[in-house]
Amino acid sequence: LLKTKGILPENAALTILEISKSAPVSL
């Protein structure tokens, strides 16, 4: 939507990360 409105450039890219703060780490 923001690309369509010209607020974000066409080459804007989204990356999504999950940060697990309380789960036990397996490593």
mmCIF file of all heavy atoms, coordinates in Angstrom:
data_MODEL
# 
_entry.id   MODEL 
# 
loop_
_atom_site.group_PDB 
_atom_site.id 
_atom_site.type_symbol 
_atom_site.label_atom_id 
_atom_site.label_alt_id 
_atom_site.label_comp_id 
_atom_site.label_asym_id 
_atom_site.label_entity_id 
_atom_site.label_seq_id 
_atom_site.pdbx_PDB_ins_code 
_atom_site.Cartn_x 
_atom_site.Cartn_y 
_atom_site.Cartn_z 
_atom_site.occupancy 
_atom_site.B_iso_or_equiv 
_atom_site.pdbx_formal_charge 
_atom_site.auth_seq_id 
_atom_site.auth_comp_id 
_atom_site.auth_asym_id 
_atom_site.auth_atom_id 
_atom_site.pdbx_PDB_model_num 
ATOM 1   N N   . LEU A 1 1  ? 0.835  -1.205  0.000  1.00 0.00 ? 1  LEU A N   1 
ATOM 2   C CA  . LEU A 1 1  ? 0.000  0.000   0.000  1.00 0.00 ? 1  LEU A CA  1 
ATOM 3   C C   . LEU A 1 1  ? 0.871  1.257   0.000  1.00 0.00 ? 1  LEU A C   1 
ATOM 4   O O   . LEU A 1 1  ? 0.615  2.210   -0.754 1.00 0.00 ? 1  LEU A O   1 
ATOM 5   C CB  . LEU A 1 1  ? -0.917 0.001   1.225  1.00 0.00 ? 1  LEU A CB  1 
ATOM 6   C CG  . LEU A 1 1  ? -1.783 1.250   1.429  1.00 0.00 ? 1  LEU A CG  1 
ATOM 7   C CD1 . LEU A 1 1  ? -2.816 1.372   0.313  1.00 0.00 ? 1  LEU A CD1 1 
ATOM 8   C CD2 . LEU A 1 1  ? -2.470 1.210   2.779  1.00 0.00 ? 1  LEU A CD2 1 
ATOM 9   N N   . LEU A 1 2  ? 1.921  1.262   0.821  1.00 0.00 ? 2  LEU A N   1 
ATOM 10  C CA  . LEU A 1 2  ? 2.815  2.422   0.897  1.00 0.00 ? 2  LEU A CA  1 
ATOM 11  C C   . LEU A 1 2  ? 3.621  2.597   -0.392 1.00 0.00 ? 2  LEU A C   1 
ATOM 12  O O   . LEU A 1 2  ? 3.949  3.714   -0.774 1.00 0.00 ? 2  LEU A O   1 
ATOM 13  C CB  . LEU A 1 2  ? 3.738  2.302   2.102  1.00 0.00 ? 2  LEU A CB  1 
ATOM 14  C CG  . LEU A 1 2  ? 3.023  2.407   3.461  1.00 0.00 ? 2  LEU A CG  1 
ATOM 15  C CD1 . LEU A 1 2  ? 3.971  2.065   4.598  1.00 0.00 ? 2  LEU A CD1 1 
ATOM 16  C CD2 . LEU A 1 2  ? 2.426  3.790   3.663  1.00 0.00 ? 2  LEU A CD2 1 
ATOM 17  N N   . LYS A 1 3  ? 3.918  1.499   -1.064 1.00 0.00 ? 3  LYS A N   1 
ATOM 18  C CA  . LYS A 1 3  ? 4.577  1.595   -2.379 1.00 0.00 ? 3  LYS A CA  1 
ATOM 19  C C   . LYS A 1 3  ? 3.621  2.216   -3.393 1.00 0.00 ? 3  LYS A C   1 
ATOM 20  O O   . LYS A 1 3  ? 4.012  3.086   -4.179 1.00 0.00 ? 3  LYS A O   1 
ATOM 21  C CB  . LYS A 1 3  ? 5.013  0.206   -2.867 1.00 0.00 ? 3  LYS A CB  1 
ATOM 22  C CG  . LYS A 1 3  ? 6.241  -0.338  -2.179 1.00 0.00 ? 3  LYS A CG  1 
ATOM 23  C CD  . LYS A 1 3  ? 6.581  -1.702  -2.779 1.00 0.00 ? 3  LYS A CD  1 
ATOM 24  C CE  . LYS A 1 3  ? 7.753  -2.354  -2.102 1.00 0.00 ? 3  LYS A CE  1 
ATOM 25  N NZ  . LYS A 1 3  ? 8.070  -3.677  -2.674 1.00 0.00 ? 3  LYS A NZ  1 
ATOM 26  N N   . THR A 1 4  ? 2.359  1.789   -3.372 1.00 0.00 ? 4  THR A N   1 
ATOM 27  C CA  . THR A 1 4  ? 1.343  2.310   -4.283 1.00 0.00 ? 4  THR A CA  1 
ATOM 28  C C   . THR A 1 4  ? 1.148  3.810   -4.085 1.00 0.00 ? 4  THR A C   1 
ATOM 29  O O   . THR A 1 4  ? 0.995  4.560   -5.048 1.00 0.00 ? 4  THR A O   1 
ATOM 30  C CB  . THR A 1 4  ? -0.008 1.582   -4.059 1.00 0.00 ? 4  THR A CB  1 
ATOM 31  O OG1 . THR A 1 4  ? 0.195  0.183   -4.204 1.00 0.00 ? 4  THR A OG1 1 
ATOM 32  C CG2 . THR A 1 4  ? -1.059 2.043   -5.042 1.00 0.00 ? 4  THR A CG2 1 
ATOM 33  N N   . LYS A 1 5  ? 1.190  4.263   -2.826 1.00 0.00 ? 5  LYS A N   1 
ATOM 34  C CA  . LYS A 1 5  ? 1.008  5.685   -2.516 1.00 0.00 ? 5  LYS A CA  1 
ATOM 35  C C   . LYS A 1 5  ? 2.277  6.507   -2.759 1.00 0.00 ? 5  LYS A C   1 
ATOM 36  O O   . LYS A 1 5  ? 2.255  7.726   -2.619 1.00 0.00 ? 5  LYS A O   1 
ATOM 37  C CB  . LYS A 1 5  ? 0.594  5.849   -1.050 1.00 0.00 ? 5  LYS A CB  1 
ATOM 38  C CG  . LYS A 1 5  ? -0.810 5.361   -0.748 1.00 0.00 ? 5  LYS A CG  1 
ATOM 39  C CD  . LYS A 1 5  ? -1.164 5.654   0.700  1.00 0.00 ? 5  LYS A CD  1 
ATOM 40  C CE  . LYS A 1 5  ? -2.616 5.321   0.978  1.00 0.00 ? 5  LYS A CE  1 
ATOM 41  N NZ  . LYS A 1 5  ? -3.004 5.667   2.353  1.00 0.00 ? 5  LYS A NZ  1 
ATOM 42  N N   . GLY A 1 6  ? 3.383  5.833   -3.066 1.00 0.00 ? 6  GLY A N   1 
ATOM 43  C CA  . GLY A 1 6  ? 4.632  6.533   -3.320 1.00 0.00 ? 6  GLY A CA  1 
ATOM 44  C C   . GLY A 1 6  ? 5.387  6.918   -2.054 1.00 0.00 ? 6  GLY A C   1 
ATOM 45  O O   . GLY A 1 6  ? 6.364  7.665   -2.109 1.00 0.00 ? 6  GLY A O   1 
ATOM 46  N N   . ILE A 1 7  ? 4.946  6.416   -0.906 1.00 0.00 ? 7  ILE A N   1 
ATOM 47  C CA  . ILE A 1 7  ? 5.616  6.717   0.369  1.00 0.00 ? 7  ILE A CA  1 
ATOM 48  C C   . ILE A 1 7  ? 6.886  5.882   0.505  1.00 0.00 ? 7  ILE A C   1 
ATOM 49  O O   . ILE A 1 7  ? 7.900  6.356   1.011  1.00 0.00 ? 7  ILE A O   1 
ATOM 50  C CB  . ILE A 1 7  ? 4.649  6.487   1.552  1.00 0.00 ? 7  ILE A CB  1 
ATOM 51  C CG1 . ILE A 1 7  ? 3.500  7.484   1.459  1.00 0.00 ? 7  ILE A CG1 1 
ATOM 52  C CG2 . ILE A 1 7  ? 5.367  6.605   2.887  1.00 0.00 ? 7  ILE A CG2 1 
ATOM 53  C CD1 . ILE A 1 7  ? 2.355  7.224   2.420  1.00 0.00 ? 7  ILE A CD1 1 
ATOM 54  N N   . LEU A 1 8  ? 6.822  4.637   0.039  1.00 0.00 ? 8  LEU A N   1 
ATOM 55  C CA  . LEU A 1 8  ? 8.004  3.773   -0.003 1.00 0.00 ? 8  LEU A CA  1 
ATOM 56  C C   . LEU A 1 8  ? 8.439  3.595   -1.444 1.00 0.00 ? 8  LEU A C   1 
ATOM 57  O O   . LEU A 1 8  ? 7.597  3.546   -2.352 1.00 0.00 ? 8  LEU A O   1 
ATOM 58  C CB  . LEU A 1 8  ? 7.697  2.398   0.600  1.00 0.00 ? 8  LEU A CB  1 
ATOM 59  C CG  . LEU A 1 8  ? 7.443  2.307   2.102  1.00 0.00 ? 8  LEU A CG  1 
ATOM 60  C CD1 . LEU A 1 8  ? 7.114  0.878   2.487  1.00 0.00 ? 8  LEU A CD1 1 
ATOM 61  C CD2 . LEU A 1 8  ? 8.630  2.814   2.899  1.00 0.00 ? 8  LEU A CD2 1 
ATOM 62  N N   . PRO A 1 9  ? 9.747  3.480   -1.692 1.00 0.00 ? 9  PRO A N   1 
ATOM 63  C CA  . PRO A 1 9  ? 10.211 3.242   -3.067 1.00 0.00 ? 9  PRO A CA  1 
ATOM 64  C C   . PRO A 1 9  ? 9.834  1.833   -3.535 1.00 0.00 ? 9  PRO A C   1 
ATOM 65  O O   . PRO A 1 9  ? 9.584  0.947   -2.713 1.00 0.00 ? 9  PRO A O   1 
ATOM 66  C CB  . PRO A 1 9  ? 11.726 3.408   -2.964 1.00 0.00 ? 9  PRO A CB  1 
ATOM 67  C CG  . PRO A 1 9  ? 12.057 3.157   -1.534 1.00 0.00 ? 9  PRO A CG  1 
ATOM 68  C CD  . PRO A 1 9  ? 10.856 3.577   -0.734 1.00 0.00 ? 9  PRO A CD  1 
ATOM 69  N N   . GLU A 1 10 ? 9.816  1.645   -4.816 1.00 0.00 ? 10 GLU A N   1 
ATOM 70  C CA  . GLU A 1 10 ? 9.425  0.352   -5.383 1.00 0.00 ? 10 GLU A CA  1 
ATOM 71  C C   . GLU A 1 10 ? 10.362 -0.778  -4.970 1.00 0.00 ? 10 GLU A C   1 
ATOM 72  O O   . GLU A 1 10 ? 9.959  -1.934  -4.918 1.00 0.00 ? 10 GLU A O   1 
ATOM 73  C CB  . GLU A 1 10 ? 9.359  0.431   -6.917 1.00 0.00 ? 10 GLU A CB  1 
ATOM 74  C CG  . GLU A 1 10 ? 8.076  1.039   -7.438 1.00 0.00 ? 10 GLU A CG  1 
ATOM 75  C CD  . GLU A 1 10 ? 6.823  0.301   -6.965 1.00 0.00 ? 10 GLU A CD  1 
ATOM 76  O OE1 . GLU A 1 10 ? 6.796  -0.951  -7.016 1.00 0.00 ? 10 GLU A OE1 1 
ATOM 77  O OE2 . GLU A 1 10 ? 5.886  0.975   -6.523 1.00 0.00 ? 10 GLU A OE2 1 
ATOM 78  N N   . ASN A 1 11 ? 11.620 -0.453  -4.674 1.00 0.00 ? 11 ASN A N   1 
ATOM 79  C CA  . ASN A 1 11 ? 12.579 -1.499  -4.303 1.00 0.00 ? 11 ASN A CA  1 
ATOM 80  C C   . ASN A 1 11 ? 12.611 -1.762  -2.794 1.00 0.00 ? 11 ASN A C   1 
ATOM 81  O O   . ASN A 1 11 ? 13.472 -2.489  -2.303 1.00 0.00 ? 11 ASN A O   1 
ATOM 82  C CB  . ASN A 1 11 ? 13.978 -1.148  -4.809 1.00 0.00 ? 11 ASN A CB  1 
ATOM 83  C CG  . ASN A 1 11 ? 14.526 0.133   -4.197 1.00 0.00 ? 11 ASN A CG  1 
ATOM 84  O OD1 . ASN A 1 11 ? 13.768 0.979   -3.719 1.00 0.00 ? 11 ASN A OD1 1 
ATOM 85  N ND2 . ASN A 1 11 ? 15.840 0.287   -4.234 1.00 0.00 ? 11 ASN A ND2 1 
ATOM 86  N N   . ALA A 1 12 ? 11.671 -1.184  -2.051 1.00 0.00 ? 12 ALA A N   1 
ATOM 87  C CA  . ALA A 1 12 ? 11.603 -1.441  -0.600 1.00 0.00 ? 12 ALA A CA  1 
ATOM 88  C C   . ALA A 1 12 ? 11.316 -2.919  -0.359 1.00 0.00 ? 12 ALA A C   1 
ATOM 89  O O   . ALA A 1 12 ? 10.461 -3.511  -1.022 1.00 0.00 ? 12 ALA A O   1 
ATOM 90  C CB  . ALA A 1 12 ? 10.527 -0.576  0.044  1.00 0.00 ? 12 ALA A CB  1 
ATOM 91  N N   . ALA A 1 13 ? 12.047 -3.510  0.581  1.00 0.00 ? 13 ALA A N   1 
ATOM 92  C CA  . ALA A 1 13 ? 11.905 -4.942  0.858  1.00 0.00 ? 13 ALA A CA  1 
ATOM 93  C C   . ALA A 1 13 ? 11.650 -5.165  2.344  1.00 0.00 ? 13 ALA A C   1 
ATOM 94  O O   . ALA A 1 13 ? 12.221 -4.486  3.196  1.00 0.00 ? 13 ALA A O   1 
ATOM 95  C CB  . ALA A 1 13 ? 13.161 -5.679  0.430  1.00 0.00 ? 13 ALA A CB  1 
ATOM 96  N N   . LEU A 1 14 ? 10.792 -6.107  2.628  1.00 0.00 ? 14 LEU A N   1 
ATOM 97  C CA  . LEU A 1 14 ? 10.405 -6.441  4.003  1.00 0.00 ? 14 LEU A CA  1 
ATOM 98  C C   . LEU A 1 14 ? 11.076 -7.740  4.427  1.00 0.00 ? 14 LEU A C   1 
ATOM 99  O O   . LEU A 1 14 ? 11.076 -8.723  3.685  1.00 0.00 ? 14 LEU A O   1 
ATOM 100 C CB  . LEU A 1 14 ? 8.880  -6.585  4.078  1.00 0.00 ? 14 LEU A CB  1 
ATOM 101 C CG  . LEU A 1 14 ? 8.277  -6.998  5.415  1.00 0.00 ? 14 LEU A CG  1 
ATOM 102 C CD1 . LEU A 1 14 ? 8.462  -5.890  6.449  1.00 0.00 ? 14 LEU A CD1 1 
ATOM 103 C CD2 . LEU A 1 14 ? 6.793  -7.300  5.247  1.00 0.00 ? 14 LEU A CD2 1 
ATOM 104 N N   . THR A 1 15 ? 11.644 -7.747  5.625  1.00 0.00 ? 15 THR A N   1 
ATOM 105 C CA  . THR A 1 15 ? 12.221 -8.952  6.218  1.00 0.00 ? 15 THR A CA  1 
ATOM 106 C C   . THR A 1 15 ? 11.587 -9.145  7.585  1.00 0.00 ? 15 THR A C   1 
ATOM 107 O O   . THR A 1 15 ? 11.413 -8.178  8.328  1.00 0.00 ? 15 THR A O   1 
ATOM 108 C CB  . THR A 1 15 ? 13.752 -8.826  6.355  1.00 0.00 ? 15 THR A CB  1 
ATOM 109 O OG1 . THR A 1 15 ? 14.314 -8.626  5.050  1.00 0.00 ? 15 THR A OG1 1 
ATOM 110 C CG2 . THR A 1 15 ? 14.362 -10.075 6.966  1.00 0.00 ? 15 THR A CG2 1 
ATOM 111 N N   . ILE A 1 16 ? 11.229 -10.369 7.904  1.00 0.00 ? 16 ILE A N   1 
ATOM 112 C CA  . ILE A 1 16 ? 10.535 -10.656 9.165  1.00 0.00 ? 16 ILE A CA  1 
ATOM 113 C C   . ILE A 1 16 ? 11.348 -11.660 9.975  1.00 0.00 ? 16 ILE A C   1 
ATOM 114 O O   . ILE A 1 16 ? 11.734 -12.725 9.471  1.00 0.00 ? 16 ILE A O   1 
ATOM 115 C CB  . ILE A 1 16 ? 9.119  -11.203 8.897  1.00 0.00 ? 16 ILE A CB  1 
ATOM 116 C CG1 . ILE A 1 16 ? 8.306  -10.169 8.113  1.00 0.00 ? 16 ILE A CG1 1 
ATOM 117 C CG2 . ILE A 1 16 ? 8.415  -11.560 10.195 1.00 0.00 ? 16 ILE A CG2 1 
ATOM 118 C CD1 . ILE A 1 16 ? 6.970  -10.671 7.603  1.00 0.00 ? 16 ILE A CD1 1 
ATOM 119 N N   . LEU A 1 17 ? 11.599 -11.298 11.242 1.00 0.00 ? 17 LEU A N   1 
ATOM 120 C CA  . LEU A 1 17 ? 12.359 -12.149 12.159 1.00 0.00 ? 17 LEU A CA  1 
ATOM 121 C C   . LEU A 1 17 ? 11.534 -12.421 13.408 1.00 0.00 ? 17 LEU A C   1 
ATOM 122 O O   . LEU A 1 17 ? 10.800 -11.552 13.866 1.00 0.00 ? 17 LEU A O   1 
ATOM 123 C CB  . LEU A 1 17 ? 13.657 -11.450 12.582 1.00 0.00 ? 17 LEU A CB  1 
ATOM 124 C CG  . LEU A 1 17 ? 14.573 -10.924 11.492 1.00 0.00 ? 17 LEU A CG  1 
ATOM 125 C CD1 . LEU A 1 17 ? 15.681 -10.093 12.100 1.00 0.00 ? 17 LEU A CD1 1 
ATOM 126 C CD2 . LEU A 1 17 ? 15.150 -12.075 10.674 1.00 0.00 ? 17 LEU A CD2 1 
ATOM 127 N N   . GLU A 1 18 ? 11.681 -13.605 13.949 1.00 0.00 ? 18 GLU A N   1 
ATOM 128 C CA  . GLU A 1 18 ? 11.106 -13.931 15.255 1.00 0.00 ? 18 GLU A CA  1 
ATOM 129 C C   . GLU A 1 18 ? 12.241 -13.937 16.278 1.00 0.00 ? 18 GLU A C   1 
ATOM 130 O O   . GLU A 1 18 ? 13.268 -14.588 16.054 1.00 0.00 ? 18 GLU A O   1 
ATOM 131 C CB  . GLU A 1 18 ? 10.452 -15.315 15.248 1.00 0.00 ? 18 GLU A CB  1 
ATOM 132 C CG  . GLU A 1 18 ? 9.186  -15.403 14.426 1.00 0.00 ? 18 GLU A CG  1 
ATOM 133 C CD  . GLU A 1 18 ? 8.614  -16.808 14.400 1.00 0.00 ? 18 GLU A CD  1 
ATOM 134 O OE1 . GLU A 1 18 ? 9.316  -17.770 14.783 1.00 0.00 ? 18 GLU A OE1 1 
ATOM 135 O OE2 . GLU A 1 18 ? 7.465  -16.961 13.976 1.00 0.00 ? 18 GLU A OE2 1 
ATOM 136 N N   . ILE A 1 19 ? 12.051 -13.209 17.370 1.00 0.00 ? 19 ILE A N   1 
ATOM 137 C CA  . ILE A 1 19 ? 13.045 -13.175 18.440 1.00 0.00 ? 19 ILE A CA  1 
ATOM 138 C C   . ILE A 1 19 ? 12.445 -13.865 19.643 1.00 0.00 ? 19 ILE A C   1 
ATOM 139 O O   . ILE A 1 19 ? 11.466 -13.403 20.215 1.00 0.00 ? 19 ILE A O   1 
ATOM 140 C CB  . ILE A 1 19 ? 13.464 -11.736 18.774 1.00 0.00 ? 19 ILE A CB  1 
ATOM 141 C CG1 . ILE A 1 19 ? 14.085 -11.089 17.529 1.00 0.00 ? 19 ILE A CG1 1 
ATOM 142 C CG2 . ILE A 1 19 ? 14.437 -11.711 19.939 1.00 0.00 ? 19 ILE A CG2 1 
ATOM 143 C CD1 . ILE A 1 19 ? 14.484 -9.645  17.702 1.00 0.00 ? 19 ILE A CD1 1 
ATOM 144 N N   . SER A 1 20 ? 13.004 -15.004 19.992 1.00 0.00 ? 20 SER A N   1 
ATOM 145 C CA  . SER A 1 20 ? 12.477 -15.806 21.095 1.00 0.00 ? 20 SER A CA  1 
ATOM 146 C C   . SER A 1 20 ? 13.235 -15.457 22.371 1.00 0.00 ? 20 SER A C   1 
ATOM 147 O O   . SER A 1 20 ? 14.380 -15.847 22.541 1.00 0.00 ? 20 SER A O   1 
ATOM 148 C CB  . SER A 1 20 ? 12.638 -17.291 20.756 1.00 0.00 ? 20 SER A CB  1 
ATOM 149 O OG  . SER A 1 20 ? 12.149 -18.081 21.781 1.00 0.00 ? 20 SER A OG  1 
ATOM 150 N N   . LYS A 1 21 ? 12.582 -14.684 23.250 1.00 0.00 ? 21 LYS A N   1 
ATOM 151 C CA  . LYS A 1 21 ? 13.262 -14.215 24.456 1.00 0.00 ? 21 LYS A CA  1 
ATOM 152 C C   . LYS A 1 21 ? 13.210 -15.222 25.593 1.00 0.00 ? 21 LYS A C   1 
ATOM 153 O O   . LYS A 1 21 ? 14.145 -15.365 26.351 1.00 0.00 ? 21 LYS A O   1 
ATOM 154 C CB  . LYS A 1 21 ? 12.626 -12.907 24.942 1.00 0.00 ? 21 LYS A CB  1 
ATOM 155 C CG  . LYS A 1 21 ? 12.823 -11.767 23.986 1.00 0.00 ? 21 LYS A CG  1 
ATOM 156 C CD  . LYS A 1 21 ? 12.394 -10.449 24.584 1.00 0.00 ? 21 LYS A CD  1 
ATOM 157 C CE  . LYS A 1 21 ? 11.077 -10.537 25.289 1.00 0.00 ? 21 LYS A CE  1 
ATOM 158 N NZ  . LYS A 1 21 ? 10.564 -9.255  25.742 1.00 0.00 ? 21 LYS A NZ  1 
ATOM 159 N N   . SER A 1 22 ? 12.094 -15.931 25.739 1.00 0.00 ? 22 SER A N   1 
ATOM 160 C CA  . SER A 1 22 ? 11.927 -16.765 26.928 1.00 0.00 ? 22 SER A CA  1 
ATOM 161 C C   . SER A 1 22 ? 11.999 -18.259 26.658 1.00 0.00 ? 22 SER A C   1 
ATOM 162 O O   . SER A 1 22 ? 12.173 -19.035 27.581 1.00 0.00 ? 22 SER A O   1 
ATOM 163 C CB  . SER A 1 22 ? 10.592 -16.429 27.601 1.00 0.00 ? 22 SER A CB  1 
ATOM 164 O OG  . SER A 1 22 ? 9.533  -16.635 26.690 1.00 0.00 ? 22 SER A OG  1 
ATOM 165 N N   . ALA A 1 23 ? 11.873 -18.675 25.411 1.00 0.00 ? 23 ALA A N   1 
ATOM 166 C CA  . ALA A 1 23 ? 11.909 -20.108 25.112 1.00 0.00 ? 23 ALA A CA  1 
ATOM 167 C C   . ALA A 1 23 ? 13.318 -20.654 25.353 1.00 0.00 ? 23 ALA A C   1 
ATOM 168 O O   . ALA A 1 23 ? 14.304 -19.956 25.121 1.00 0.00 ? 23 ALA A O   1 
ATOM 169 C CB  . ALA A 1 23 ? 11.511 -20.364 23.662 1.00 0.00 ? 23 ALA A CB  1 
ATOM 170 N N   . PRO A 1 24 ? 13.422 -21.876 25.839 1.00 0.00 ? 24 PRO A N   1 
ATOM 171 C CA  . PRO A 1 24 ? 14.758 -22.444 26.056 1.00 0.00 ? 24 PRO A CA  1 
ATOM 172 C C   . PRO A 1 24 ? 15.504 -22.594 24.733 1.00 0.00 ? 24 PRO A C   1 
ATOM 173 O O   . PRO A 1 24 ? 14.940 -23.027 23.744 1.00 0.00 ? 24 PRO A O   1 
ATOM 174 C CB  . PRO A 1 24 ? 14.472 -23.806 26.690 1.00 0.00 ? 24 PRO A CB  1 
ATOM 175 C CG  . PRO A 1 24 ? 13.052 -24.104 26.389 1.00 0.00 ? 24 PRO A CG  1 
ATOM 176 C CD  . PRO A 1 24 ? 12.355 -22.802 26.194 1.00 0.00 ? 24 PRO A CD  1 
ATOM 177 N N   . VAL A 1 25 ? 16.751 -22.181 24.732 1.00 0.00 ? 25 VAL A N   1 
ATOM 178 C CA  . VAL A 1 25 ? 17.562 -22.248 23.514 1.00 0.00 ? 25 VAL A CA  1 
ATOM 179 C C   . VAL A 1 25 ? 18.161 -23.643 23.407 1.00 0.00 ? 25 VAL A C   1 
ATOM 180 O O   . VAL A 1 25 ? 18.690 -24.182 24.375 1.00 0.00 ? 25 VAL A O   1 
ATOM 181 C CB  . VAL A 1 25 ? 18.666 -21.164 23.559 1.00 0.00 ? 25 VAL A CB  1 
ATOM 182 C CG1 . VAL A 1 25 ? 19.586 -21.283 22.364 1.00 0.00 ? 25 VAL A CG1 1 
ATOM 183 C CG2 . VAL A 1 25 ? 18.032 -19.781 23.595 1.00 0.00 ? 25 VAL A CG2 1 
ATOM 184 N N   . SER A 1 26 ? 18.080 -24.218 22.209 1.00 0.00 ? 26 SER A N   1 
ATOM 185 C CA  . SER A 1 26 ? 18.549 -25.594 22.009 1.00 0.00 ? 26 SER A CA  1 
ATOM 186 C C   . SER A 1 26 ? 20.034 -25.662 21.671 1.00 0.00 ? 26 SER A C   1 
ATOM 187 O O   . SER A 1 26 ? 20.523 -26.700 21.269 1.00 0.00 ? 26 SER A O   1 
ATOM 188 C CB  . SER A 1 26 ? 17.738 -26.237 20.890 1.00 0.00 ? 26 SER A CB  1 
ATOM 189 O OG  . SER A 1 26 ? 17.859 -25.458 19.713 1.00 0.00 ? 26 SER A OG  1 
ATOM 190 N N   . LEU A 1 27 ? 20.737 -24.552 21.817 1.00 0.00 ? 27 LEU A N   1 
ATOM 191 C CA  . LEU A 1 27 ? 22.144 -24.512 21.442 1.00 0.00 ? 27 LEU A CA  1 
ATOM 192 C C   . LEU A 1 27 ? 22.921 -23.716 22.488 1.00 0.00 ? 27 LEU A C   1 
ATOM 193 O O   . LEU A 1 27 ? 22.468 -22.678 22.941 1.00 0.00 ? 27 LEU A O   1 
ATOM 194 C CB  . LEU A 1 27 ? 22.295 -23.825 20.076 1.00 0.00 ? 27 LEU A CB  1 
ATOM 195 C CG  . LEU A 1 27 ? 23.704 -23.664 19.549 1.00 0.00 ? 27 LEU A CG  1 
ATOM 196 C CD1 . LEU A 1 27 ? 24.165 -24.934 18.852 1.00 0.00 ? 27 LEU A CD1 1 
ATOM 197 C CD2 . LEU A 1 27 ? 23.786 -22.508 18.575 1.00 0.00 ? 27 LEU A CD2 1 
# 
